[in-house]
N, C-alpha and C. Protein backbone atom coordinates (compact mmCIF):
# COMPACT_ATOMS: atom_id res chain seq x y z
N MET A 1 103.40 -23.75 -71.15
CA MET A 1 104.32 -24.49 -70.30
C MET A 1 105.02 -25.62 -71.07
N THR A 2 104.26 -26.32 -71.90
CA THR A 2 104.84 -27.40 -72.68
C THR A 2 105.98 -26.91 -73.56
N GLU A 3 105.75 -25.75 -74.22
CA GLU A 3 106.77 -25.19 -75.11
C GLU A 3 108.00 -24.76 -74.31
N ARG A 4 107.80 -24.19 -73.12
CA ARG A 4 108.92 -23.76 -72.28
C ARG A 4 109.74 -24.98 -71.83
N LEU A 5 109.05 -26.06 -71.48
CA LEU A 5 109.73 -27.29 -71.06
C LEU A 5 110.53 -27.88 -72.22
N ARG A 6 109.96 -27.86 -73.45
CA ARG A 6 110.68 -28.37 -74.62
C ARG A 6 111.97 -27.59 -74.85
N LYS A 7 111.90 -26.25 -74.72
CA LYS A 7 113.08 -25.41 -74.93
C LYS A 7 114.15 -25.69 -73.88
N LEU A 8 113.73 -25.88 -72.62
CA LEU A 8 114.69 -26.18 -71.55
C LEU A 8 115.39 -27.51 -71.80
N MET A 9 114.61 -28.50 -72.22
CA MET A 9 115.19 -29.83 -72.47
C MET A 9 116.15 -29.80 -73.66
N MET A 10 115.78 -29.06 -74.71
CA MET A 10 116.64 -28.99 -75.89
C MET A 10 117.93 -28.23 -75.59
N ALA A 11 117.90 -27.35 -74.60
CA ALA A 11 119.09 -26.57 -74.24
C ALA A 11 120.10 -27.40 -73.46
N ASP A 12 119.66 -28.50 -72.84
CA ASP A 12 120.54 -29.35 -72.05
C ASP A 12 120.86 -30.62 -72.83
N GLU A 13 122.03 -30.65 -73.49
CA GLU A 13 122.39 -31.76 -74.36
C GLU A 13 122.67 -33.06 -73.61
N THR A 14 122.74 -33.00 -72.28
CA THR A 14 122.94 -34.23 -71.51
C THR A 14 121.65 -35.04 -71.41
N LEU A 15 120.52 -34.44 -71.79
CA LEU A 15 119.23 -35.12 -71.66
C LEU A 15 118.81 -35.91 -72.89
N TYR A 16 119.55 -35.78 -73.99
CA TYR A 16 119.15 -36.46 -75.21
C TYR A 16 120.37 -36.69 -76.11
N ASN A 17 120.18 -37.53 -77.11
CA ASN A 17 121.22 -37.82 -78.08
C ASN A 17 121.14 -36.78 -79.20
N LYS A 18 122.09 -35.85 -79.22
CA LYS A 18 122.06 -34.75 -80.18
C LYS A 18 122.11 -35.25 -81.62
N GLU A 19 122.80 -36.36 -81.86
CA GLU A 19 122.90 -36.89 -83.22
C GLU A 19 121.53 -37.26 -83.77
N LEU A 20 120.68 -37.83 -82.89
CA LEU A 20 119.34 -38.22 -83.33
C LEU A 20 118.49 -37.01 -83.66
N THR A 21 118.58 -35.97 -82.84
CA THR A 21 117.74 -34.79 -83.06
C THR A 21 118.23 -33.93 -84.21
N SER A 22 119.47 -34.12 -84.62
CA SER A 22 120.00 -33.28 -85.71
C SER A 22 119.68 -33.86 -87.08
N LEU A 23 119.15 -35.08 -87.11
CA LEU A 23 118.80 -35.68 -88.39
C LEU A 23 117.58 -34.98 -88.96
N GLU A 24 117.71 -34.39 -90.11
CA GLU A 24 116.61 -33.67 -90.73
C GLU A 24 115.74 -34.64 -91.51
N VAL A 25 114.43 -34.43 -91.44
CA VAL A 25 113.52 -35.27 -92.19
C VAL A 25 113.87 -35.20 -93.67
N SER A 26 113.89 -36.35 -94.32
CA SER A 26 114.19 -36.38 -95.75
C SER A 26 113.17 -35.54 -96.51
N PRO A 27 113.63 -34.55 -97.27
CA PRO A 27 112.68 -33.69 -97.98
C PRO A 27 111.87 -34.46 -99.01
N ARG A 28 110.61 -34.62 -98.76
CA ARG A 28 109.74 -35.34 -99.68
C ARG A 28 108.50 -34.51 -99.92
N PHE A 29 108.60 -33.59 -100.85
CA PHE A 29 107.46 -32.78 -101.21
C PHE A 29 106.62 -33.50 -102.24
N GLY A 30 105.37 -33.11 -102.35
CA GLY A 30 104.51 -33.63 -103.40
C GLY A 30 103.94 -35.01 -103.10
N GLU A 31 103.51 -35.65 -104.17
CA GLU A 31 102.88 -36.97 -104.04
C GLU A 31 103.91 -38.02 -103.65
N ILE A 32 103.43 -39.03 -102.92
CA ILE A 32 104.27 -40.17 -102.53
C ILE A 32 103.82 -41.38 -103.34
N SER A 33 104.73 -41.97 -104.08
CA SER A 33 104.42 -43.09 -104.95
C SER A 33 103.67 -44.20 -104.19
N GLY A 34 102.63 -44.72 -104.81
CA GLY A 34 101.85 -45.79 -104.21
C GLY A 34 100.77 -45.29 -103.25
N ASN A 35 100.64 -43.97 -103.14
CA ASN A 35 99.64 -43.39 -102.23
C ASN A 35 98.83 -42.33 -102.96
N PRO A 36 97.96 -42.74 -103.88
CA PRO A 36 97.16 -41.75 -104.61
C PRO A 36 96.17 -41.04 -103.69
N VAL A 37 95.67 -39.91 -104.16
CA VAL A 37 94.65 -39.17 -103.41
C VAL A 37 93.49 -40.11 -103.08
N GLY A 38 93.06 -40.10 -101.83
CA GLY A 38 91.97 -40.97 -101.38
C GLY A 38 92.44 -42.21 -100.66
N THR A 39 93.76 -42.47 -100.65
CA THR A 39 94.29 -43.63 -99.93
C THR A 39 93.97 -43.50 -98.44
N THR A 40 93.53 -44.60 -97.84
CA THR A 40 93.20 -44.59 -96.41
C THR A 40 94.21 -45.42 -95.62
N TYR A 41 94.33 -45.07 -94.34
CA TYR A 41 95.29 -45.72 -93.45
C TYR A 41 94.57 -46.05 -92.14
N TYR A 42 94.93 -47.18 -91.58
CA TYR A 42 94.28 -47.62 -90.34
C TYR A 42 94.54 -46.64 -89.19
N ASN A 43 95.79 -46.14 -89.11
CA ASN A 43 96.14 -45.20 -88.04
C ASN A 43 97.31 -44.32 -88.50
N ARG A 44 97.73 -43.43 -87.60
CA ARG A 44 98.82 -42.51 -87.94
C ARG A 44 100.13 -43.26 -88.17
N LYS A 45 100.32 -44.36 -87.46
CA LYS A 45 101.55 -45.14 -87.61
C LYS A 45 101.68 -45.68 -89.04
N GLU A 46 100.57 -46.18 -89.59
CA GLU A 46 100.60 -46.69 -90.96
C GLU A 46 100.83 -45.55 -91.95
N CYS A 47 100.18 -44.42 -91.70
CA CYS A 47 100.36 -43.24 -92.56
C CYS A 47 101.83 -42.81 -92.56
N CYS A 48 102.45 -42.86 -91.39
CA CYS A 48 103.86 -42.51 -91.24
C CYS A 48 104.75 -43.51 -91.99
N SER A 49 104.46 -44.80 -91.84
CA SER A 49 105.29 -45.83 -92.48
C SER A 49 105.24 -45.74 -94.01
N LYS A 50 104.16 -45.19 -94.56
CA LYS A 50 104.03 -45.01 -96.00
C LYS A 50 104.70 -43.73 -96.49
N GLY A 51 105.15 -42.89 -95.55
CA GLY A 51 105.85 -41.66 -95.90
C GLY A 51 104.95 -40.50 -96.26
N VAL A 52 103.64 -40.63 -96.01
CA VAL A 52 102.70 -39.57 -96.37
C VAL A 52 102.71 -38.46 -95.32
N HIS A 53 102.74 -38.85 -94.05
CA HIS A 53 102.88 -37.88 -92.95
C HIS A 53 103.83 -38.50 -91.93
N ALA A 54 105.03 -37.94 -91.82
CA ALA A 54 106.11 -38.57 -91.06
C ALA A 54 105.98 -38.48 -89.55
N GLN A 55 104.96 -37.80 -89.06
CA GLN A 55 104.78 -37.65 -87.61
C GLN A 55 103.62 -38.53 -87.14
N THR A 56 103.85 -39.30 -86.06
CA THR A 56 102.76 -40.12 -85.54
C THR A 56 101.91 -39.36 -84.52
N VAL A 57 102.39 -38.22 -84.04
CA VAL A 57 101.63 -37.41 -83.08
C VAL A 57 101.45 -35.98 -83.58
N ALA A 58 102.54 -35.33 -83.95
CA ALA A 58 102.47 -33.91 -84.36
C ALA A 58 101.65 -33.73 -85.63
N GLY A 59 100.98 -32.59 -85.72
CA GLY A 59 100.14 -32.30 -86.87
C GLY A 59 100.88 -31.74 -88.06
N ILE A 60 102.10 -31.23 -87.84
CA ILE A 60 102.89 -30.63 -88.91
C ILE A 60 104.19 -31.42 -89.07
N SER A 61 104.50 -31.81 -90.29
CA SER A 61 105.75 -32.51 -90.58
C SER A 61 106.55 -31.68 -91.58
N GLY A 62 107.79 -31.39 -91.24
CA GLY A 62 108.62 -30.61 -92.15
C GLY A 62 109.88 -30.14 -91.47
N SER A 63 110.50 -29.10 -92.00
CA SER A 63 111.70 -28.55 -91.40
C SER A 63 111.70 -27.03 -91.58
N GLU A 64 112.43 -26.36 -90.70
CA GLU A 64 112.52 -24.91 -90.79
C GLU A 64 113.19 -24.48 -92.10
N LYS A 65 114.13 -25.29 -92.57
CA LYS A 65 114.86 -24.95 -93.79
C LYS A 65 114.00 -25.09 -95.05
N ASN A 66 113.27 -26.21 -95.15
CA ASN A 66 112.55 -26.52 -96.38
C ASN A 66 111.07 -26.16 -96.37
N GLY A 67 110.49 -26.04 -95.19
CA GLY A 67 109.05 -25.84 -95.10
C GLY A 67 108.36 -27.14 -94.73
N ALA A 68 107.03 -27.11 -94.73
CA ALA A 68 106.25 -28.29 -94.33
C ALA A 68 106.05 -29.23 -95.52
N TYR A 69 106.10 -30.51 -95.22
CA TYR A 69 105.85 -31.54 -96.24
C TYR A 69 104.39 -31.98 -96.17
N SER A 70 103.84 -32.01 -94.94
CA SER A 70 102.47 -32.49 -94.76
C SER A 70 101.89 -31.97 -93.45
N ILE A 71 100.57 -31.99 -93.39
CA ILE A 71 99.85 -31.70 -92.14
C ILE A 71 98.76 -32.74 -91.96
N CYS A 72 98.32 -32.88 -90.71
CA CYS A 72 97.20 -33.77 -90.40
C CYS A 72 96.09 -32.92 -89.78
N VAL A 73 94.90 -33.02 -90.33
CA VAL A 73 93.74 -32.27 -89.85
C VAL A 73 92.79 -33.27 -89.19
N SER A 74 92.54 -33.09 -87.88
CA SER A 74 91.53 -33.93 -87.25
C SER A 74 90.72 -33.14 -86.24
N ARG A 75 91.07 -33.13 -84.95
CA ARG A 75 90.16 -32.44 -84.04
C ARG A 75 90.80 -31.90 -82.77
N GLY A 76 91.96 -31.28 -82.86
CA GLY A 76 92.63 -30.82 -81.66
C GLY A 76 92.52 -29.34 -81.35
N TYR A 77 92.18 -28.52 -82.33
CA TYR A 77 92.17 -27.07 -82.12
C TYR A 77 90.82 -26.48 -82.52
N VAL A 78 90.18 -25.78 -81.60
CA VAL A 78 88.84 -25.23 -81.85
C VAL A 78 88.84 -24.14 -82.91
N ASP A 79 89.99 -23.57 -83.21
CA ASP A 79 90.06 -22.49 -84.19
C ASP A 79 90.27 -22.99 -85.62
N ASP A 80 90.46 -24.30 -85.79
CA ASP A 80 90.56 -24.85 -87.14
C ASP A 80 89.19 -24.78 -87.83
N GLU A 81 89.22 -24.64 -89.13
CA GLU A 81 87.99 -24.68 -89.91
C GLU A 81 88.25 -25.40 -91.22
N ASP A 82 87.53 -26.50 -91.42
CA ASP A 82 87.72 -27.34 -92.61
C ASP A 82 86.53 -27.18 -93.55
N LYS A 83 86.76 -26.52 -94.67
CA LYS A 83 85.71 -26.35 -95.67
C LYS A 83 85.99 -27.19 -96.92
N GLY A 84 86.80 -28.21 -96.74
CA GLY A 84 87.10 -29.11 -97.85
C GLY A 84 88.18 -28.58 -98.75
N GLU A 85 87.82 -27.74 -99.70
CA GLU A 85 88.79 -27.17 -100.63
C GLU A 85 89.65 -26.09 -99.97
N PHE A 86 89.16 -25.53 -98.87
CA PHE A 86 89.88 -24.51 -98.11
C PHE A 86 89.94 -24.90 -96.65
N ILE A 87 91.09 -24.67 -96.01
CA ILE A 87 91.28 -25.01 -94.60
C ILE A 87 91.89 -23.82 -93.88
N THR A 88 91.35 -23.51 -92.71
CA THR A 88 92.02 -22.60 -91.79
C THR A 88 92.63 -23.49 -90.72
N TYR A 89 93.93 -23.49 -90.63
CA TYR A 89 94.67 -24.44 -89.79
C TYR A 89 95.39 -23.68 -88.68
N THR A 90 95.38 -24.25 -87.50
CA THR A 90 96.04 -23.65 -86.33
C THR A 90 97.39 -24.30 -86.09
N GLY A 91 98.38 -23.48 -85.73
CA GLY A 91 99.71 -23.99 -85.41
C GLY A 91 99.69 -24.83 -84.15
N THR A 92 100.87 -25.17 -83.68
CA THR A 92 100.98 -26.05 -82.52
C THR A 92 101.53 -25.30 -81.31
N GLY A 93 101.21 -25.84 -80.11
CA GLY A 93 101.72 -25.26 -78.87
C GLY A 93 100.67 -24.49 -78.09
N GLY A 94 100.95 -24.34 -76.78
CA GLY A 94 100.12 -23.52 -75.92
C GLY A 94 98.85 -24.16 -75.41
N GLN A 95 98.71 -25.49 -75.56
CA GLN A 95 97.52 -26.16 -75.07
C GLN A 95 97.79 -26.89 -73.76
N THR A 96 96.72 -27.19 -73.02
CA THR A 96 96.88 -27.98 -71.80
C THR A 96 97.40 -29.37 -72.14
N ASN A 97 96.99 -29.91 -73.29
CA ASN A 97 97.51 -31.19 -73.76
C ASN A 97 97.66 -31.07 -75.27
N SER A 98 98.87 -30.75 -75.72
CA SER A 98 99.07 -30.48 -77.15
C SER A 98 99.02 -31.73 -78.02
N HIS A 99 99.02 -32.94 -77.40
CA HIS A 99 98.99 -34.16 -78.20
C HIS A 99 97.58 -34.68 -78.44
N SER A 100 96.65 -34.36 -77.56
CA SER A 100 95.29 -34.88 -77.75
C SER A 100 94.23 -33.80 -77.67
N GLY A 101 94.66 -32.56 -77.76
CA GLY A 101 93.70 -31.46 -77.72
C GLY A 101 93.51 -30.95 -76.31
N GLY A 102 92.95 -29.80 -76.19
CA GLY A 102 92.73 -29.19 -74.89
C GLY A 102 92.61 -27.69 -75.06
N ARG A 103 92.31 -27.01 -73.99
CA ARG A 103 92.14 -25.57 -74.04
C ARG A 103 93.48 -24.88 -74.32
N GLN A 104 93.40 -23.78 -75.04
CA GLN A 104 94.58 -22.96 -75.28
C GLN A 104 94.85 -22.17 -74.00
N VAL A 105 96.07 -22.30 -73.45
CA VAL A 105 96.40 -21.65 -72.18
C VAL A 105 97.59 -20.70 -72.30
N ALA A 106 98.15 -20.60 -73.50
CA ALA A 106 99.30 -19.72 -73.73
C ALA A 106 99.35 -19.34 -75.20
N ASP A 107 100.08 -18.27 -75.49
CA ASP A 107 100.25 -17.84 -76.87
C ASP A 107 101.11 -18.84 -77.64
N GLN A 108 100.86 -18.94 -78.93
CA GLN A 108 101.74 -19.66 -79.84
C GLN A 108 102.69 -18.65 -80.47
N THR A 109 103.77 -19.16 -81.07
CA THR A 109 104.68 -18.28 -81.79
C THR A 109 105.20 -19.01 -83.03
N PHE A 110 105.71 -18.23 -83.96
CA PHE A 110 106.34 -18.82 -85.14
C PHE A 110 107.77 -19.28 -84.83
N GLU A 111 108.22 -19.10 -83.59
CA GLU A 111 109.53 -19.62 -83.18
C GLU A 111 109.49 -21.14 -83.03
N HIS A 112 108.32 -21.70 -82.80
CA HIS A 112 108.20 -23.16 -82.72
C HIS A 112 108.58 -23.72 -84.10
N PRO A 113 109.48 -24.72 -84.15
CA PRO A 113 109.95 -25.24 -85.44
C PRO A 113 108.84 -25.67 -86.40
N ASP A 114 107.80 -26.33 -85.88
CA ASP A 114 106.71 -26.78 -86.75
C ASP A 114 105.94 -25.59 -87.33
N ASN A 115 105.64 -24.61 -86.48
CA ASN A 115 104.92 -23.42 -86.95
C ASN A 115 105.76 -22.65 -87.97
N PHE A 116 107.06 -22.58 -87.72
CA PHE A 116 107.96 -21.89 -88.66
C PHE A 116 107.97 -22.62 -90.01
N ALA A 117 107.98 -23.96 -89.96
CA ALA A 117 108.02 -24.75 -91.20
C ALA A 117 106.80 -24.46 -92.07
N LEU A 118 105.62 -24.42 -91.45
CA LEU A 118 104.41 -24.17 -92.24
C LEU A 118 104.36 -22.72 -92.72
N LYS A 119 104.91 -21.81 -91.95
CA LYS A 119 105.01 -20.41 -92.38
C LYS A 119 105.95 -20.32 -93.60
N LYS A 120 107.02 -21.10 -93.58
CA LYS A 120 107.95 -21.14 -94.71
C LYS A 120 107.23 -21.59 -95.98
N SER A 121 106.30 -22.53 -95.83
CA SER A 121 105.54 -23.02 -96.98
C SER A 121 104.66 -21.93 -97.58
N ALA A 122 104.20 -21.01 -96.72
CA ALA A 122 103.42 -19.88 -97.23
C ALA A 122 104.29 -18.98 -98.11
N GLU A 123 105.60 -18.95 -97.81
CA GLU A 123 106.53 -18.13 -98.59
C GLU A 123 106.95 -18.82 -99.88
N THR A 124 107.23 -20.12 -99.80
CA THR A 124 107.73 -20.85 -100.97
C THR A 124 106.62 -21.28 -101.92
N LYS A 125 105.41 -21.46 -101.37
CA LYS A 125 104.25 -21.97 -102.13
C LYS A 125 104.45 -23.40 -102.62
N ARG A 126 105.36 -24.12 -101.99
CA ARG A 126 105.50 -25.54 -102.33
C ARG A 126 104.31 -26.29 -101.74
N PRO A 127 103.64 -27.14 -102.51
CA PRO A 127 102.43 -27.82 -102.03
C PRO A 127 102.70 -28.70 -100.80
N VAL A 128 101.71 -28.77 -99.94
CA VAL A 128 101.76 -29.54 -98.70
C VAL A 128 100.73 -30.66 -98.77
N ARG A 129 101.13 -31.88 -98.42
CA ARG A 129 100.17 -32.98 -98.38
C ARG A 129 99.23 -32.78 -97.19
N VAL A 130 97.95 -33.07 -97.40
CA VAL A 130 96.97 -32.97 -96.32
C VAL A 130 96.38 -34.35 -96.04
N VAL A 131 96.47 -34.75 -94.79
CA VAL A 131 95.86 -35.99 -94.31
C VAL A 131 94.75 -35.60 -93.35
N ARG A 132 93.60 -36.21 -93.50
CA ARG A 132 92.50 -35.96 -92.57
C ARG A 132 92.28 -37.17 -91.68
N GLY A 133 92.02 -36.89 -90.40
CA GLY A 133 91.70 -37.93 -89.44
C GLY A 133 90.23 -37.88 -89.07
N PRO A 134 89.75 -38.87 -88.31
CA PRO A 134 88.33 -38.94 -87.98
C PRO A 134 87.87 -37.74 -87.15
N ASN A 135 86.69 -37.23 -87.49
CA ASN A 135 86.12 -36.10 -86.76
C ASN A 135 84.64 -36.00 -87.12
N PRO A 136 83.75 -36.39 -86.21
CA PRO A 136 82.31 -36.36 -86.53
C PRO A 136 81.78 -34.95 -86.78
N LYS A 137 82.56 -33.92 -86.39
CA LYS A 137 82.12 -32.54 -86.59
C LYS A 137 82.60 -31.96 -87.93
N SER A 138 83.32 -32.78 -88.71
CA SER A 138 83.81 -32.33 -90.01
C SER A 138 83.08 -33.06 -91.13
N LYS A 139 82.55 -32.30 -92.05
CA LYS A 139 81.85 -32.86 -93.21
C LYS A 139 82.79 -33.64 -94.12
N TYR A 140 84.09 -33.32 -94.05
CA TYR A 140 85.04 -33.89 -94.99
C TYR A 140 86.00 -34.92 -94.38
N ALA A 141 85.89 -35.17 -93.09
CA ALA A 141 86.77 -36.13 -92.43
C ALA A 141 86.32 -37.56 -92.71
N PRO A 142 87.25 -38.51 -92.69
CA PRO A 142 86.83 -39.91 -92.82
C PRO A 142 86.10 -40.35 -91.55
N ALA A 143 85.22 -41.32 -91.68
CA ALA A 143 84.48 -41.82 -90.52
C ALA A 143 85.41 -42.53 -89.56
N ARG A 144 86.47 -43.13 -90.09
CA ARG A 144 87.46 -43.82 -89.25
C ARG A 144 88.80 -43.84 -89.98
N GLY A 145 89.86 -44.01 -89.22
CA GLY A 145 91.19 -44.04 -89.82
C GLY A 145 91.61 -42.68 -90.34
N TYR A 146 92.59 -42.69 -91.26
CA TYR A 146 93.14 -41.47 -91.84
C TYR A 146 93.12 -41.58 -93.35
N ARG A 147 93.03 -40.43 -94.01
CA ARG A 147 92.92 -40.44 -95.47
C ARG A 147 93.78 -39.32 -96.07
N TYR A 148 94.52 -39.66 -97.13
CA TYR A 148 95.30 -38.66 -97.84
C TYR A 148 94.39 -37.96 -98.84
N ASP A 149 94.30 -36.63 -98.72
CA ASP A 149 93.35 -35.87 -99.53
C ASP A 149 93.99 -34.95 -100.56
N GLY A 150 95.28 -35.13 -100.82
CA GLY A 150 95.90 -34.36 -101.90
C GLY A 150 96.75 -33.20 -101.44
N LEU A 151 97.18 -32.41 -102.41
CA LEU A 151 98.10 -31.30 -102.16
C LEU A 151 97.35 -29.98 -102.01
N TYR A 152 97.80 -29.20 -101.04
CA TYR A 152 97.24 -27.87 -100.77
C TYR A 152 98.36 -26.85 -100.79
N ILE A 153 98.02 -25.63 -101.17
CA ILE A 153 98.97 -24.51 -101.15
C ILE A 153 98.68 -23.67 -99.90
N VAL A 154 99.73 -23.37 -99.13
CA VAL A 154 99.56 -22.48 -97.97
C VAL A 154 99.55 -21.05 -98.50
N GLU A 155 98.38 -20.46 -98.52
CA GLU A 155 98.24 -19.13 -99.11
C GLU A 155 98.65 -18.01 -98.17
N ASN A 156 98.52 -18.24 -96.87
CA ASN A 156 98.80 -17.17 -95.91
C ASN A 156 99.16 -17.76 -94.56
N ALA A 157 100.04 -17.07 -93.83
CA ALA A 157 100.40 -17.42 -92.45
C ALA A 157 100.35 -16.13 -91.64
N TYR A 158 99.67 -16.16 -90.51
CA TYR A 158 99.49 -14.93 -89.74
C TYR A 158 99.20 -15.26 -88.27
N MET A 159 99.36 -14.26 -87.42
CA MET A 159 99.00 -14.40 -86.02
C MET A 159 97.57 -13.89 -85.84
N GLY A 160 96.78 -14.64 -85.10
CA GLY A 160 95.40 -14.24 -84.82
C GLY A 160 95.07 -14.50 -83.37
N LYS A 161 93.95 -13.97 -82.92
CA LYS A 161 93.49 -14.20 -81.56
C LYS A 161 92.50 -15.35 -81.57
N GLY A 162 92.81 -16.42 -80.82
CA GLY A 162 91.97 -17.61 -80.80
C GLY A 162 90.74 -17.45 -79.93
N LYS A 163 89.84 -18.41 -79.99
CA LYS A 163 88.60 -18.38 -79.22
C LYS A 163 88.85 -18.40 -77.72
N ASP A 164 90.01 -18.95 -77.30
CA ASP A 164 90.34 -18.98 -75.87
C ASP A 164 91.07 -17.71 -75.42
N GLY A 165 91.25 -16.76 -76.33
CA GLY A 165 91.82 -15.47 -75.97
C GLY A 165 93.32 -15.33 -76.11
N PHE A 166 93.99 -16.35 -76.63
CA PHE A 166 95.44 -16.31 -76.78
C PHE A 166 95.82 -16.16 -78.26
N LEU A 167 97.03 -15.66 -78.49
CA LEU A 167 97.51 -15.54 -79.86
C LEU A 167 97.85 -16.92 -80.42
N ILE A 168 97.43 -17.15 -81.66
CA ILE A 168 97.69 -18.43 -82.30
C ILE A 168 98.23 -18.20 -83.71
N CYS A 169 99.07 -19.14 -84.16
CA CYS A 169 99.56 -19.12 -85.53
C CYS A 169 98.46 -19.74 -86.40
N GLN A 170 98.06 -19.03 -87.44
CA GLN A 170 97.02 -19.55 -88.32
C GLN A 170 97.49 -19.53 -89.77
N TYR A 171 96.93 -20.46 -90.52
CA TYR A 171 97.32 -20.64 -91.91
C TYR A 171 96.07 -20.88 -92.75
N THR A 172 96.03 -20.30 -93.93
CA THR A 172 94.95 -20.62 -94.86
C THR A 172 95.54 -21.46 -95.99
N LEU A 173 94.87 -22.56 -96.28
CA LEU A 173 95.33 -23.49 -97.31
C LEU A 173 94.24 -23.68 -98.36
N ARG A 174 94.65 -23.80 -99.61
CA ARG A 174 93.74 -24.03 -100.73
C ARG A 174 94.14 -25.29 -101.47
N ARG A 175 93.18 -26.16 -101.70
CA ARG A 175 93.44 -27.42 -102.40
C ARG A 175 93.75 -27.14 -103.87
N LYS A 176 94.73 -27.87 -104.39
CA LYS A 176 95.09 -27.71 -105.80
C LYS A 176 93.93 -28.17 -106.68
N SER A 177 93.78 -27.51 -107.81
CA SER A 177 92.69 -27.85 -108.73
C SER A 177 92.99 -29.17 -109.45
N GLY A 178 91.93 -29.78 -109.96
CA GLY A 178 92.07 -31.00 -110.75
C GLY A 178 92.14 -32.28 -109.94
N LEU A 179 91.97 -32.21 -108.62
CA LEU A 179 92.02 -33.40 -107.78
C LEU A 179 90.64 -34.05 -107.69
N PRO A 180 90.59 -35.35 -107.37
CA PRO A 180 89.28 -36.00 -107.22
C PRO A 180 88.46 -35.32 -106.13
N PRO A 181 87.12 -35.34 -106.24
CA PRO A 181 86.29 -34.73 -105.21
C PRO A 181 86.50 -35.39 -103.85
N LEU A 182 86.35 -34.60 -102.79
CA LEU A 182 86.50 -35.14 -101.44
C LEU A 182 85.26 -35.94 -101.06
N PRO A 183 85.45 -37.15 -100.50
CA PRO A 183 84.29 -37.90 -100.03
C PRO A 183 83.68 -37.22 -98.80
N LEU A 184 82.38 -37.40 -98.59
CA LEU A 184 81.72 -36.80 -97.44
C LEU A 184 81.67 -37.80 -96.28
N ASN A 185 81.72 -37.27 -95.08
CA ASN A 185 81.73 -38.07 -93.85
C ASN A 185 80.31 -38.55 -93.54
N PRO A 186 80.07 -39.87 -93.55
CA PRO A 186 78.73 -40.37 -93.25
C PRO A 186 78.31 -40.14 -91.80
N ASP A 187 79.28 -39.90 -90.92
CA ASP A 187 78.97 -39.66 -89.51
C ASP A 187 78.90 -38.18 -89.16
N TYR A 188 78.96 -37.32 -90.17
CA TYR A 188 78.98 -35.87 -89.93
C TYR A 188 77.72 -35.41 -89.21
N LYS A 189 77.95 -34.64 -88.12
CA LYS A 189 76.85 -34.06 -87.36
C LYS A 189 77.00 -32.55 -87.42
N SER A 190 76.10 -31.90 -88.12
CA SER A 190 76.19 -30.46 -88.28
C SER A 190 76.01 -29.75 -86.95
N THR A 191 76.97 -28.86 -86.63
CA THR A 191 76.88 -28.03 -85.43
C THR A 191 77.32 -26.63 -85.81
N SER A 192 77.13 -25.71 -84.92
CA SER A 192 77.57 -24.34 -85.19
C SER A 192 79.06 -24.18 -84.95
N ARG A 193 79.67 -25.18 -84.28
CA ARG A 193 81.09 -25.11 -83.99
C ARG A 193 81.89 -25.69 -85.13
N PRO A 194 82.90 -24.95 -85.63
CA PRO A 194 83.68 -25.47 -86.77
C PRO A 194 84.51 -26.69 -86.41
N SER A 195 84.79 -27.53 -87.41
CA SER A 195 85.62 -28.70 -87.19
C SER A 195 87.03 -28.28 -86.84
N SER A 196 87.77 -29.16 -86.16
CA SER A 196 89.10 -28.80 -85.70
C SER A 196 90.08 -29.94 -85.81
N ARG A 197 91.34 -29.66 -85.43
CA ARG A 197 92.44 -30.57 -85.67
C ARG A 197 93.06 -31.15 -84.40
N GLY A 198 93.54 -32.40 -84.49
CA GLY A 198 94.15 -33.02 -83.33
C GLY A 198 95.49 -33.52 -83.54
């Protein structure tokens, strides 16, 4: 429903300023000066102001033309799996509350601009910045705040069936070699349920 409402609103130009929505995010691939791997941020707003992840809510930042510049991994999707050097990441859309997590209630598609952007990255192989947010169920998440964990390559983009029974966009990412080791989460609580993104 959320995705259908977004499409309806975007189709009616009287509801928004088209000039603002047509501005494409400045293409900033790779490392951001002054933000080495391991840099921490108090919140998403600070991370955004530093240019590491330009979205304060959405998990994927990028454009359909260029691909994704960055993603944020925290705890919004039950189908995400964070193994540190490798991540299985879920696209956006189809949740009861897509901004703070919730049950999947509809299929996702690669027609969503954010999902398309990350799929484009699987084609171009341009590295994507990964930011992790707090998640006690993730061994690799920071205990608090957000942390830049380096560049990852999107190795694959595909449609899969999620745990809630709906089709979801999924991506496999591999961390580039030669980066500093990932710190471990002191609040990590081992469970049988994989860590997820928010």
